[in-house]
Amino acid sequence: MATPTDIAWIVSVMSAAYPTWNPTELTNEVYFQSLHDLDPEELKMATMHCINEPGRKFAPSVGEIRGTVAELRAMTVNLPSAYEAWQEVITQLRDNGGDFGKPVWSHPLVERAMKSIGWRELRLSENQTADRSRFIQCYEQLVDRVSREDIMLPEVRGYVEVNGARLLAPADQMKLLTDKLSVNREKANR
């Protein structure tokens, strides 16, 4: 987690990179409140990436820095592009002769998208153009959702979870809690 010192370093680097930018003590506080949950090294790399973007004329906002952290995380886990993910699906169809078997996916999101579309439906389909479009749309939505959730401030995530759970029926609240516990166990086992 980033400290006020880490944030002060980031603000001072941006001040040096953008001499007309005039941060205040409040700027440091806002950046700290908005970025404190991020790993300091990750935060520094994202900031450096932002300030070195060709053509950038203004210091990056906290949202731009958080978005860049999400992009860098996707790069570090070798998240395939939508077209690369589709190529994996085509390869699995070809190599497995349409039998799902135990395919090895480059990333869990490729597998989730494939499960959402349905292996059997895809195998029986005769419209590869429509299948590709549906898969790519599904995959991009999954990537976008996971990226947004991953980079969400913990306080905001807590708010969403608490208020989202209030809107659910008791049985659905229990399922949400059970699913959350399963995800947390998986993360702990990694």
Protein backbone atom coordinates (compact mmCIF):
# COMPACT_ATOMS: atom_id res chain seq x y z
CA MET A 1 0.00 0.00 0.00
CA ALA A 2 1.22 3.45 -0.91
CA THR A 3 2.24 5.82 1.85
CA PRO A 4 1.93 9.61 1.93
CA THR A 5 5.67 9.69 1.12
CA ASP A 6 5.08 7.61 -2.04
CA ILE A 7 2.31 9.97 -3.10
CA ALA A 8 4.48 13.02 -2.38
CA TRP A 9 7.16 11.53 -4.65
CA ILE A 10 4.61 10.99 -7.43
CA VAL A 11 3.24 14.53 -7.14
CA SER A 12 6.77 15.99 -7.13
CA VAL A 13 7.73 13.99 -10.23
CA MET A 14 4.60 15.19 -12.01
CA SER A 15 5.36 18.76 -10.93
CA ALA A 16 8.81 18.46 -12.45
CA ALA A 17 7.42 16.90 -15.62
CA TYR A 18 4.67 19.54 -15.94
CA PRO A 19 6.14 22.84 -14.66
CA THR A 20 2.87 24.73 -15.12
CA TRP A 21 1.02 22.26 -12.88
CA ASN A 22 0.56 23.73 -9.42
CA PRO A 23 -0.33 21.01 -6.90
CA THR A 24 -1.30 21.98 -3.36
CA GLU A 25 -1.39 20.10 -0.06
CA LEU A 26 -4.96 19.19 -0.98
CA THR A 27 -3.64 17.66 -4.21
CA ASN A 28 -1.38 15.37 -2.18
CA GLU A 29 -4.30 14.39 0.05
CA VAL A 30 -6.65 13.67 -2.87
CA TYR A 31 -4.00 11.61 -4.64
CA PHE A 32 -3.29 9.73 -1.41
CA GLN A 33 -6.97 9.02 -0.69
CA SER A 34 -7.45 7.87 -4.28
CA LEU A 35 -4.27 5.82 -4.71
CA HIS A 36 -3.34 4.57 -1.22
CA ASP A 37 -4.43 0.98 -1.87
CA LEU A 38 -2.01 0.46 -4.76
CA ASP A 39 1.44 -1.09 -4.54
CA PRO A 40 4.02 1.72 -4.47
CA GLU A 41 6.18 0.21 -7.23
CA GLU A 42 3.16 -0.37 -9.43
CA LEU A 43 2.01 3.18 -8.76
CA LYS A 44 5.40 4.66 -9.64
CA MET A 45 5.59 2.65 -12.87
CA ALA A 46 2.08 3.73 -13.86
CA THR A 47 2.91 7.37 -13.15
CA MET A 48 6.13 7.17 -15.19
CA HIS A 49 4.22 5.52 -18.02
CA CYS A 50 1.60 8.28 -17.96
CA ILE A 51 4.03 11.19 -17.93
CA ASN A 52 6.01 9.66 -20.79
CA GLU A 53 3.03 9.27 -23.13
CA PRO A 54 3.76 11.07 -26.37
CA GLY A 55 1.76 14.26 -26.71
CA ARG A 56 0.57 14.40 -23.09
CA LYS A 57 0.24 18.04 -22.07
CA PHE A 58 -1.24 17.76 -18.57
CA ALA A 59 -0.39 15.85 -15.41
CA PRO A 60 -2.33 12.58 -15.17
CA SER A 61 -5.40 12.49 -12.99
CA VAL A 62 -5.84 9.83 -10.32
CA GLY A 63 -8.27 8.04 -12.63
CA GLU A 64 -5.73 7.98 -15.44
CA ILE A 65 -3.09 6.60 -13.09
CA ARG A 66 -5.48 3.89 -11.79
CA GLY A 67 -6.41 3.03 -15.38
CA THR A 68 -2.74 2.73 -16.29
CA VAL A 69 -2.20 0.40 -13.31
CA ALA A 70 -4.98 -1.79 -14.71
CA GLU A 71 -3.34 -1.77 -18.15
CA LEU A 72 0.05 -2.67 -16.69
CA ARG A 73 -1.49 -5.50 -14.67
CA ALA A 74 -3.09 -6.89 -17.82
CA MET A 75 0.29 -6.79 -19.54
CA THR A 76 2.07 -8.55 -16.69
CA VAL A 77 -0.36 -11.48 -16.77
CA ASN A 78 -0.16 -11.73 -20.56
CA LEU A 79 -3.84 -11.12 -21.04
CA PRO A 80 -4.48 -11.91 -24.69
CA SER A 81 -6.28 -9.51 -26.96
CA ALA A 82 -9.80 -10.43 -27.99
CA TYR A 83 -8.56 -11.64 -31.38
CA GLU A 84 -5.79 -13.72 -29.79
CA ALA A 85 -8.38 -15.26 -27.45
CA TRP A 86 -10.62 -16.07 -30.41
CA GLN A 87 -7.66 -17.72 -32.15
CA GLU A 88 -7.23 -19.95 -29.09
CA VAL A 89 -10.86 -21.02 -29.41
CA ILE A 90 -10.41 -21.80 -33.10
CA THR A 91 -7.26 -23.78 -32.32
CA GLN A 92 -9.07 -25.78 -29.65
CA LEU A 93 -11.90 -26.55 -32.06
CA ARG A 94 -9.45 -27.66 -34.71
CA ASP A 95 -7.08 -29.61 -32.45
CA ASN A 96 -9.79 -31.31 -30.42
CA GLY A 97 -12.00 -32.13 -33.37
CA GLY A 98 -14.87 -30.38 -31.66
CA ASP A 99 -14.49 -32.48 -28.48
CA PHE A 100 -14.02 -30.06 -25.59
CA GLY A 101 -11.74 -32.38 -23.62
CA LYS A 102 -9.36 -30.47 -21.35
CA PRO A 103 -8.21 -27.42 -23.29
CA VAL A 104 -5.44 -25.31 -21.89
CA TRP A 105 -6.31 -21.63 -22.06
CA SER A 106 -3.74 -18.86 -21.82
CA HIS A 107 -5.89 -16.99 -19.28
CA PRO A 108 -8.97 -17.79 -17.15
CA LEU A 109 -10.93 -15.02 -18.88
CA VAL A 110 -10.62 -16.84 -22.21
CA GLU A 111 -12.12 -19.91 -20.55
CA ARG A 112 -14.91 -17.86 -18.92
CA ALA A 113 -15.83 -16.28 -22.23
CA MET A 114 -15.81 -19.69 -23.90
CA LYS A 115 -18.07 -21.12 -21.21
CA SER A 116 -20.41 -18.14 -21.57
CA ILE A 117 -20.74 -18.71 -25.30
CA GLY A 118 -21.02 -22.46 -24.93
CA TRP A 119 -18.66 -25.04 -26.42
CA ARG A 120 -21.46 -27.22 -27.82
CA GLU A 121 -23.26 -24.27 -29.42
CA LEU A 122 -20.05 -23.04 -30.97
CA ARG A 123 -19.14 -26.50 -32.24
CA LEU A 124 -22.53 -26.93 -33.90
CA SER A 125 -22.73 -23.42 -35.32
CA GLU A 126 -22.28 -22.77 -39.01
CA ASN A 127 -21.81 -19.02 -38.76
CA GLN A 128 -18.22 -18.42 -37.66
CA THR A 129 -18.47 -14.69 -38.32
CA ALA A 130 -21.34 -14.29 -35.86
CA ASP A 131 -19.63 -16.65 -33.40
CA ARG A 132 -16.44 -14.62 -33.52
CA SER A 133 -18.36 -11.41 -32.97
CA ARG A 134 -20.30 -12.86 -30.00
CA PHE A 135 -17.15 -14.30 -28.44
CA ILE A 136 -15.14 -11.09 -28.85
CA GLN A 137 -17.96 -9.00 -27.40
CA CYS A 138 -18.31 -11.37 -24.45
CA TYR A 139 -14.54 -11.51 -23.86
CA GLU A 140 -14.13 -7.73 -24.03
CA GLN A 141 -16.98 -7.25 -21.55
CA LEU A 142 -15.41 -9.75 -19.16
CA VAL A 143 -12.00 -8.09 -19.43
CA ASP A 144 -13.52 -4.66 -18.89
CA ARG A 145 -15.52 -5.80 -15.87
CA VAL A 146 -12.61 -7.64 -14.23
CA SER A 147 -10.29 -4.67 -14.88
CA ARG A 148 -12.75 -2.22 -13.35
CA GLU A 149 -13.34 -4.44 -10.32
CA ASP A 150 -9.63 -5.10 -9.87
CA ILE A 151 -8.71 -1.42 -9.81
CA MET A 152 -11.71 -0.29 -7.75
CA LEU A 153 -10.93 1.49 -4.49
CA PRO A 154 -11.47 -0.90 -1.57
CA GLU A 155 -13.86 1.57 0.05
CA VAL A 156 -15.96 1.71 -3.11
CA ARG A 157 -15.89 -2.09 -3.47
CA GLY A 158 -17.10 -2.41 0.12
CA TYR A 159 -19.90 0.05 -0.52
CA VAL A 160 -21.01 -1.83 -3.63
CA GLU A 161 -20.91 -5.19 -1.86
CA VAL A 162 -22.85 -3.98 1.19
CA ASN A 163 -25.46 -2.06 -0.78
CA GLY A 164 -25.72 -4.67 -3.52
CA ALA A 165 -26.32 -7.38 -0.93
CA ARG A 166 -29.14 -5.37 0.66
CA LEU A 167 -31.05 -5.50 -2.61
CA LEU A 168 -30.85 -9.30 -2.86
CA ALA A 169 -33.24 -11.85 -1.44
CA PRO A 170 -31.85 -13.75 1.60
CA ALA A 171 -31.05 -16.87 -0.48
CA ASP A 172 -29.18 -14.75 -3.02
CA GLN A 173 -27.32 -12.96 -0.21
CA MET A 174 -26.12 -16.37 1.07
CA LYS A 175 -24.99 -17.40 -2.42
CA LEU A 176 -23.11 -14.08 -2.82
CA LEU A 177 -21.37 -14.63 0.51
CA THR A 178 -20.50 -18.25 -0.36
CA ASP A 179 -19.11 -17.21 -3.76
CA LYS A 180 -17.07 -14.42 -2.16
CA LEU A 181 -15.60 -16.85 0.36
CA SER A 182 -14.67 -19.26 -2.44
CA VAL A 183 -12.91 -16.52 -4.37
CA ASN A 184 -11.04 -15.39 -1.25
CA ARG A 185 -9.94 -18.99 -0.56
CA GLU A 186 -8.67 -19.33 -4.14
CA LYS A 187 -6.69 -16.09 -3.79
CA ALA A 188 -5.22 -17.23 -0.48
CA ASN A 189 -4.14 -20.56 -1.99
CA ARG A 190 -2.22 -18.91 -4.82
